[in-house]
Structure formats: structure tokens, C-alpha cells
Amino acid sequence: MPRARVPEPCAVVLFGASGDLTHRKLGPALYHLGAGGNLPPDFAIVGFARRDWTDETFRA
């Protein structure tokens, strides 16, 4: 029986993280991938934006 491939830890960098596309499309898509167990356990998202937002603002 072949061994299951173990995903490596990874990160996604979002440029324009405070923008409309991230809010409407990318954020929900990443959430559903994580909720469905399709992301590795050590997965991270790094967001860059021109707006001065806190971590809590991004999570809202």
C-alpha cells in the first residue's frame, strides 16, 4: 500500500489584504479550505496592505 503524502508547512502571502477581492473571495475560500481539512496544520497567512489595520481588524 503506498504511503500517503504528508503536506509540508506553507504560507500564503496576500498583497492587498485589506482589499475587496480578499474580503469577498480569497478570505472565504481559504476559510473553507481550512474548515474542510485541506490545509496543512502549520499553514499561515501573511497579509500586506496599505491600510493601517490591526490583527483584530483583519480577523473581523
Protein backbone atom coordinates (compact mmCIF):
# COMPACT_ATOMS: atom_id res chain seq x y z
CA MET A 1 0.00 0.00 0.00
CA PRO A 2 1.50 3.39 -0.96
CA ARG A 3 2.21 5.89 1.78
CA ALA A 4 0.07 8.99 2.00
CA ARG A 5 1.93 12.16 1.15
CA VAL A 6 2.31 14.45 4.15
CA PRO A 7 1.96 18.13 3.17
CA GLU A 8 4.79 20.45 4.11
CA PRO A 9 4.10 23.55 6.21
CA CYS A 10 3.50 26.54 3.97
CA ALA A 11 2.41 30.15 3.94
CA VAL A 12 0.33 32.26 1.60
CA VAL A 13 1.21 35.93 1.19
CA LEU A 14 -1.70 38.20 0.33
CA PHE A 15 -0.79 41.53 -1.20
CA GLY A 16 -3.67 43.95 -0.85
CA ALA A 17 -5.05 42.02 2.10
CA SER A 18 -7.43 44.81 3.11
CA GLY A 19 -8.99 45.00 -0.34
CA ASP A 20 -12.36 43.97 -1.67
CA LEU A 21 -11.12 40.85 -3.51
CA THR A 22 -9.58 39.44 -0.35
CA HIS A 23 -12.71 40.19 1.67
CA ARG A 24 -15.18 38.76 -0.85
CA LYS A 25 -13.28 35.86 -2.43
CA LEU A 26 -9.87 34.93 -1.01
CA GLY A 27 -10.73 35.03 2.69
CA PRO A 28 -13.83 32.83 2.41
CA ALA A 29 -12.03 30.41 0.07
CA LEU A 30 -9.12 29.99 2.48
CA TYR A 31 -11.54 29.58 5.37
CA HIS A 32 -13.45 26.80 3.61
CA LEU A 33 -10.21 25.03 2.67
CA GLY A 34 -9.17 25.07 6.32
CA ALA A 35 -12.59 24.03 7.60
CA GLY A 36 -12.58 21.11 5.18
CA GLY A 37 -9.19 19.91 6.40
CA ASN A 38 -7.48 20.71 3.10
CA LEU A 39 -4.69 22.86 4.54
CA PRO A 40 -1.62 21.65 6.44
CA PRO A 41 -1.64 22.10 10.23
CA ASP A 42 1.18 24.66 10.18
CA PHE A 43 -0.40 26.75 7.41
CA ALA A 44 -0.01 30.53 7.78
CA ILE A 45 -1.39 33.59 6.02
CA VAL A 46 0.68 36.76 5.82
CA GLY A 47 -1.19 39.84 4.67
CA PHE A 48 0.20 43.13 3.37
CA ALA A 49 -1.94 46.20 2.87
CA ARG A 50 -1.64 49.95 2.57
CA ARG A 51 -4.32 50.48 5.21
CA ASP A 52 -3.11 50.50 8.80
CA TRP A 53 -5.17 47.61 10.20
CA THR A 54 -4.56 45.60 13.37
CA ASP A 55 -4.68 41.80 13.57
CA GLU A 56 -8.14 42.06 15.12
CA THR A 57 -9.39 44.17 12.20
CA PHE A 58 -8.27 41.52 9.72
CA ARG A 59 -9.93 38.76 11.74
CA ALA A 60 -13.29 40.58 11.87
